[in-house]
Amino acid sequence: MGWLVIERQTPAGGGSAKRLRVNQAARRWSLTRRQEQVLGLMAAGATNARIAANLNISERTAEDHVAAVLLRSGVATRMELLSALLE
């Protein structure tokens, strides 16, 4: 019996490019440090529950941070947020 190992590879600089975009957006939208962390998780596709678990906060607090990020970025949805992040 053998093993099959599948390794996901990120394109060179892929993670750092995303971090750079998140950092730039955080400055542009005057986000707090916590909101910047939430934005990074949102950019990775995390749900409110996953954001809460990763940041060791309640899901309700995560919802509040997500709402604040959306408000400060001037968009209404996560999809619009991702589009704005890529601009």
N, C-alpha and C. Protein backbone atom coordinates (compact mmCIF):
# COMPACT_ATOMS: atom_id res chain seq x y z
N MET A 1 0.84 -1.17 0.00
CA MET A 1 0.00 0.00 0.00
C MET A 1 0.89 1.24 0.00
N GLY A 2 0.56 2.20 -0.85
CA GLY A 2 1.34 3.43 -0.94
C GLY A 2 0.52 4.63 -0.50
N TRP A 3 1.19 5.74 -0.44
CA TRP A 3 0.55 6.99 -0.04
C TRP A 3 0.60 7.97 -1.19
N LEU A 4 -0.43 8.73 -1.33
CA LEU A 4 -0.47 9.81 -2.31
C LEU A 4 -0.50 11.11 -1.53
N VAL A 5 0.48 11.95 -1.77
CA VAL A 5 0.55 13.23 -1.09
C VAL A 5 0.33 14.32 -2.12
N ILE A 6 -0.62 15.20 -1.83
CA ILE A 6 -0.89 16.33 -2.72
C ILE A 6 -0.53 17.59 -1.97
N GLU A 7 0.37 18.35 -2.53
CA GLU A 7 0.81 19.59 -1.90
C GLU A 7 0.31 20.76 -2.71
N ARG A 8 -0.39 21.67 -2.03
CA ARG A 8 -0.86 22.87 -2.70
C ARG A 8 0.28 23.87 -2.72
N GLN A 9 0.54 24.39 -3.89
CA GLN A 9 1.61 25.37 -4.01
C GLN A 9 1.02 26.72 -4.31
N THR A 10 1.57 27.73 -3.68
CA THR A 10 1.18 29.10 -3.94
C THR A 10 2.16 29.67 -4.94
N PRO A 11 1.65 30.37 -5.96
CA PRO A 11 2.59 30.99 -6.90
C PRO A 11 3.58 31.88 -6.16
N ALA A 12 4.76 31.98 -6.68
CA ALA A 12 5.81 32.77 -6.03
C ALA A 12 5.30 34.16 -5.70
N GLY A 13 5.37 34.53 -4.45
CA GLY A 13 4.95 35.85 -4.03
C GLY A 13 3.45 36.01 -3.89
N GLY A 14 2.67 34.97 -4.13
CA GLY A 14 1.21 35.07 -4.09
C GLY A 14 0.70 35.53 -2.75
N GLY A 15 1.24 34.95 -1.68
CA GLY A 15 0.81 35.34 -0.34
C GLY A 15 1.25 36.74 0.01
N SER A 16 2.47 37.09 -0.38
CA SER A 16 2.96 38.42 -0.04
C SER A 16 2.26 39.49 -0.85
N ALA A 17 1.86 39.17 -2.08
CA ALA A 17 1.12 40.14 -2.90
C ALA A 17 -0.24 40.42 -2.29
N LYS A 18 -0.90 39.37 -1.77
CA LYS A 18 -2.20 39.56 -1.13
C LYS A 18 -2.03 40.39 0.13
N ARG A 19 -1.01 40.10 0.92
CA ARG A 19 -0.75 40.87 2.14
C ARG A 19 -0.50 42.33 1.82
N LEU A 20 0.24 42.60 0.74
CA LEU A 20 0.53 43.97 0.34
C LEU A 20 -0.76 44.69 -0.01
N ARG A 21 -1.64 44.04 -0.77
CA ARG A 21 -2.92 44.65 -1.12
C ARG A 21 -3.75 44.94 0.12
N VAL A 22 -3.78 43.99 1.04
CA VAL A 22 -4.55 44.18 2.28
C VAL A 22 -3.96 45.35 3.07
N ASN A 23 -2.64 45.42 3.18
CA ASN A 23 -1.99 46.53 3.91
C ASN A 23 -2.30 47.88 3.27
N GLN A 24 -2.21 47.92 1.94
CA GLN A 24 -2.50 49.17 1.23
C GLN A 24 -3.95 49.59 1.41
N ALA A 25 -4.86 48.62 1.31
CA ALA A 25 -6.28 48.92 1.48
C ALA A 25 -6.56 49.38 2.91
N ALA A 26 -5.91 48.75 3.88
CA ALA A 26 -6.12 49.12 5.28
C ALA A 26 -5.72 50.58 5.51
N ARG A 27 -4.63 50.99 4.91
CA ARG A 27 -4.21 52.39 5.03
C ARG A 27 -5.19 53.32 4.31
N ARG A 28 -5.57 52.94 3.09
CA ARG A 28 -6.47 53.75 2.28
C ARG A 28 -7.82 53.95 2.97
N TRP A 29 -8.31 52.90 3.63
CA TRP A 29 -9.62 52.95 4.26
C TRP A 29 -9.53 53.27 5.76
N SER A 30 -8.35 53.57 6.24
CA SER A 30 -8.13 53.90 7.66
C SER A 30 -8.68 52.83 8.60
N LEU A 31 -8.31 51.58 8.33
CA LEU A 31 -8.77 50.48 9.17
C LEU A 31 -7.91 50.37 10.42
N THR A 32 -8.52 49.88 11.49
CA THR A 32 -7.76 49.57 12.69
C THR A 32 -6.95 48.30 12.42
N ARG A 33 -6.03 47.99 13.32
CA ARG A 33 -5.22 46.76 13.16
C ARG A 33 -6.12 45.53 13.13
N ARG A 34 -7.11 45.47 14.00
CA ARG A 34 -8.01 44.31 14.03
C ARG A 34 -8.84 44.23 12.75
N GLN A 35 -9.30 45.37 12.26
CA GLN A 35 -10.05 45.38 11.01
C GLN A 35 -9.16 44.93 9.84
N GLU A 36 -7.90 45.28 9.89
CA GLU A 36 -6.96 44.82 8.86
C GLU A 36 -6.81 43.30 8.91
N GLN A 37 -6.76 42.74 10.12
CA GLN A 37 -6.69 41.29 10.26
C GLN A 37 -7.96 40.64 9.69
N VAL A 38 -9.11 41.25 9.99
CA VAL A 38 -10.38 40.73 9.48
C VAL A 38 -10.40 40.82 7.96
N LEU A 39 -9.94 41.93 7.41
CA LEU A 39 -9.88 42.08 5.95
C LEU A 39 -9.03 40.99 5.32
N GLY A 40 -7.89 40.70 5.92
CA GLY A 40 -7.03 39.63 5.40
C GLY A 40 -7.73 38.29 5.38
N LEU A 41 -8.47 38.00 6.43
CA LEU A 41 -9.21 36.74 6.49
C LEU A 41 -10.36 36.73 5.50
N MET A 42 -11.03 37.88 5.35
CA MET A 42 -12.10 37.97 4.36
C MET A 42 -11.55 37.76 2.96
N ALA A 43 -10.39 38.33 2.68
CA ALA A 43 -9.76 38.19 1.37
C ALA A 43 -9.41 36.73 1.09
N ALA A 44 -9.18 35.97 2.16
CA ALA A 44 -8.88 34.54 2.01
C ALA A 44 -10.16 33.70 1.92
N GLY A 45 -11.33 34.37 2.01
CA GLY A 45 -12.59 33.65 1.87
C GLY A 45 -13.18 33.14 3.18
N ALA A 46 -12.67 33.62 4.31
CA ALA A 46 -13.15 33.13 5.60
C ALA A 46 -14.56 33.62 5.91
N THR A 47 -15.33 32.74 6.51
CA THR A 47 -16.66 33.10 6.99
C THR A 47 -16.53 33.84 8.32
N ASN A 48 -17.63 34.41 8.79
CA ASN A 48 -17.60 35.08 10.09
C ASN A 48 -17.19 34.10 11.19
N ALA A 49 -17.69 32.88 11.11
CA ALA A 49 -17.35 31.86 12.11
C ALA A 49 -15.85 31.56 12.08
N ARG A 50 -15.27 31.46 10.91
CA ARG A 50 -13.84 31.18 10.77
C ARG A 50 -13.02 32.37 11.25
N ILE A 51 -13.47 33.58 10.93
CA ILE A 51 -12.78 34.78 11.40
C ILE A 51 -12.77 34.79 12.93
N ALA A 52 -13.92 34.51 13.53
CA ALA A 52 -14.03 34.48 14.99
C ALA A 52 -13.07 33.46 15.59
N ALA A 53 -13.04 32.28 15.01
CA ALA A 53 -12.17 31.22 15.53
C ALA A 53 -10.69 31.60 15.38
N ASN A 54 -10.32 32.15 14.24
CA ASN A 54 -8.92 32.51 14.01
C ASN A 54 -8.44 33.64 14.92
N LEU A 55 -9.35 34.56 15.24
CA LEU A 55 -8.96 35.72 16.05
C LEU A 55 -9.34 35.56 17.52
N ASN A 56 -9.92 34.41 17.85
CA ASN A 56 -10.32 34.12 19.23
C ASN A 56 -11.27 35.18 19.78
N ILE A 57 -12.30 35.49 18.98
CA ILE A 57 -13.34 36.44 19.35
C ILE A 57 -14.68 35.78 19.11
N SER A 58 -15.75 36.40 19.60
CA SER A 58 -17.07 35.84 19.36
C SER A 58 -17.49 36.08 17.90
N GLU A 59 -18.41 35.27 17.44
CA GLU A 59 -18.88 35.44 16.07
C GLU A 59 -19.58 36.79 15.92
N ARG A 60 -20.26 37.24 16.94
CA ARG A 60 -20.93 38.54 16.90
C ARG A 60 -19.91 39.67 16.75
N THR A 61 -18.80 39.57 17.46
CA THR A 61 -17.74 40.57 17.34
C THR A 61 -17.14 40.53 15.93
N ALA A 62 -16.98 39.33 15.40
CA ALA A 62 -16.48 39.20 14.02
C ALA A 62 -17.44 39.87 13.05
N GLU A 63 -18.74 39.68 13.25
CA GLU A 63 -19.74 40.33 12.39
C GLU A 63 -19.61 41.85 12.46
N ASP A 64 -19.40 42.37 13.66
CA ASP A 64 -19.23 43.82 13.82
C ASP A 64 -18.00 44.32 13.07
N HIS A 65 -16.90 43.57 13.15
CA HIS A 65 -15.67 43.97 12.44
C HIS A 65 -15.88 43.89 10.93
N VAL A 66 -16.55 42.86 10.46
CA VAL A 66 -16.84 42.72 9.02
C VAL A 66 -17.68 43.91 8.55
N ALA A 67 -18.72 44.24 9.32
CA ALA A 67 -19.58 45.37 8.96
C ALA A 67 -18.78 46.67 8.91
N ALA A 68 -17.86 46.86 9.87
CA ALA A 68 -17.04 48.07 9.90
C ALA A 68 -16.11 48.13 8.68
N VAL A 69 -15.54 47.00 8.30
CA VAL A 69 -14.66 46.95 7.12
C VAL A 69 -15.46 47.30 5.87
N LEU A 70 -16.65 46.73 5.73
CA LEU A 70 -17.49 47.03 4.57
C LEU A 70 -17.85 48.51 4.53
N LEU A 71 -18.21 49.06 5.68
CA LEU A 71 -18.59 50.48 5.75
C LEU A 71 -17.42 51.38 5.37
N ARG A 72 -16.27 51.13 5.97
CA ARG A 72 -15.11 51.99 5.70
C ARG A 72 -14.61 51.87 4.26
N SER A 73 -14.81 50.70 3.66
CA SER A 73 -14.37 50.53 2.27
C SER A 73 -15.38 51.07 1.28
N GLY A 74 -16.59 51.38 1.76
CA GLY A 74 -17.60 51.97 0.89
C GLY A 74 -18.32 50.98 0.01
N VAL A 75 -18.33 49.70 0.41
CA VAL A 75 -19.02 48.68 -0.38
C VAL A 75 -20.07 48.00 0.48
N ALA A 76 -20.96 47.26 -0.19
CA ALA A 76 -22.06 46.64 0.54
C ALA A 76 -21.89 45.13 0.73
N THR A 77 -21.07 44.50 -0.09
CA THR A 77 -20.95 43.04 -0.03
C THR A 77 -19.50 42.61 -0.02
N ARG A 78 -19.28 41.36 0.36
CA ARG A 78 -17.92 40.80 0.34
C ARG A 78 -17.37 40.73 -1.09
N MET A 79 -18.23 40.44 -2.04
CA MET A 79 -17.77 40.38 -3.44
C MET A 79 -17.30 41.75 -3.91
N GLU A 80 -18.04 42.79 -3.56
CA GLU A 80 -17.62 44.15 -3.91
C GLU A 80 -16.32 44.49 -3.21
N LEU A 81 -16.17 44.03 -1.99
CA LEU A 81 -14.95 44.27 -1.22
C LEU A 81 -13.75 43.64 -1.94
N LEU A 82 -13.90 42.40 -2.37
CA LEU A 82 -12.80 41.73 -3.06
C LEU A 82 -12.46 42.44 -4.34
N SER A 83 -13.47 42.91 -5.05
CA SER A 83 -13.24 43.68 -6.28
C SER A 83 -12.47 44.96 -5.96
N ALA A 84 -12.88 45.67 -4.92
CA ALA A 84 -12.19 46.91 -4.52
C ALA A 84 -10.76 46.62 -4.09
N LEU A 85 -10.56 45.48 -3.47
CA LEU A 85 -9.23 45.09 -3.01
C LEU A 85 -8.28 44.84 -4.18
N LEU A 86 -8.84 44.37 -5.28
CA LEU A 86 -8.02 44.06 -6.45
C LEU A 86 -7.76 45.27 -7.36
N GLU A 87 -8.46 46.37 -7.10
CA GLU A 87 -8.28 47.58 -7.94
C GLU A 87 -6.94 48.20 -7.71
